[in-house]
Amino acid sequence: MYSVNYKDKVLDYRYKKLADFIYAFYVGDIYIGQLFRMHKYCWSCVSGKPNKLSPVDGFKSRFYASQFLLKLNNYI
């Protein structure tokens, strides 16, 4: 399982399946954004905080899309 240090706490990645191809992404109890499985080998993501970059397409895995959202929102 993956985790991140945030404000001197270790918070685990958590995914909640909303539909067949949509997942909500959390770190601990903090909502980060949504991940979408577009094709068998392609993922997209949308940040929970408004920004000019969302949505972003073309990630190879759910993990890479999650890492991007964490970097975009300054969690890592």
Protein backbone atom coordinates (compact mmCIF):
# COMPACT_ATOMS: atom_id res chain seq x y z
CA MET A 1 0.00 0.00 0.00
CA TYR A 2 1.21 3.50 -0.78
CA SER A 3 1.25 6.39 1.64
CA VAL A 4 2.34 10.02 1.94
CA ASN A 5 3.63 12.14 4.83
CA TYR A 6 1.39 15.16 5.36
CA LYS A 7 1.60 17.49 8.38
CA ASP A 8 3.70 14.96 10.32
CA LYS A 9 1.19 12.16 9.72
CA VAL A 10 1.43 9.12 7.47
CA LEU A 11 -1.70 8.91 5.33
CA ASP A 12 -2.51 5.92 3.10
CA TYR A 13 -3.85 6.10 -0.45
CA ARG A 14 -7.49 5.11 -0.62
CA TYR A 15 -9.73 4.57 -3.64
CA LYS A 16 -13.51 4.45 -3.64
CA LYS A 17 -15.15 2.93 -6.72
CA LEU A 18 -17.98 5.19 -7.89
CA ALA A 19 -18.78 3.42 -11.19
CA ASP A 20 -17.19 0.82 -13.46
CA PHE A 21 -14.57 3.29 -14.65
CA ILE A 22 -14.61 6.10 -12.03
CA TYR A 23 -12.68 6.14 -8.74
CA ALA A 24 -12.55 8.80 -6.03
CA PHE A 25 -9.01 9.22 -4.68
CA TYR A 26 -8.30 10.04 -1.04
CA VAL A 27 -5.21 10.36 1.11
CA GLY A 28 -6.40 9.41 4.55
CA ASP A 29 -9.74 11.27 4.74
CA ILE A 30 -8.63 14.11 2.44
CA TYR A 31 -10.37 14.11 -0.95
CA ILE A 32 -7.80 14.63 -3.73
CA GLY A 33 -9.75 14.06 -6.96
CA GLN A 34 -11.22 11.53 -9.36
CA LEU A 35 -9.56 8.98 -11.61
CA PHE A 36 -11.11 7.60 -14.79
CA ARG A 37 -10.19 4.40 -16.59
CA MET A 38 -10.54 5.42 -20.22
CA HIS A 39 -9.24 2.32 -21.99
CA LYS A 40 -7.52 -0.85 -20.89
CA TYR A 41 -4.17 0.94 -20.61
CA CYS A 42 -5.10 4.61 -20.19
CA TRP A 43 -6.15 6.67 -17.15
CA SER A 44 -7.32 10.27 -16.76
CA CYS A 45 -7.63 12.42 -13.65
CA VAL A 46 -9.45 15.50 -12.40
CA SER A 47 -8.31 17.39 -9.34
CA GLY A 48 -10.70 18.10 -6.48
CA LYS A 49 -9.35 21.66 -6.34
CA PRO A 50 -10.09 23.92 -9.32
CA ASN A 51 -7.12 24.50 -11.63
CA LYS A 52 -6.35 25.12 -15.29
CA LEU A 53 -4.75 21.72 -15.92
CA SER A 54 -7.71 19.44 -15.23
CA PRO A 55 -8.58 17.07 -16.80
CA VAL A 56 -5.28 15.40 -17.67
CA ASP A 57 -5.24 12.29 -19.87
CA GLY A 58 -2.80 9.57 -20.88
CA PHE A 59 -1.48 8.00 -17.67
CA LYS A 60 -0.29 4.40 -17.93
CA SER A 61 -1.67 3.37 -14.53
CA ARG A 62 -3.91 4.52 -11.71
CA PHE A 63 -0.81 4.98 -9.55
CA TYR A 64 0.77 7.48 -11.97
CA ALA A 65 -2.46 9.46 -12.19
CA SER A 66 -2.64 9.49 -8.37
CA GLN A 67 0.95 10.70 -8.08
CA PHE A 68 0.22 13.52 -10.52
CA LEU A 69 -2.79 14.66 -8.48
CA LEU A 70 -0.71 14.66 -5.30
CA LYS A 71 2.01 16.75 -6.94
CA LEU A 72 -0.55 19.09 -8.50
CA ASN A 73 -2.15 19.75 -5.10
CA ASN A 74 1.21 20.06 -3.28
CA TYR A 75 0.88 16.98 -1.09
CA ILE A 76 4.28 15.61 -2.20
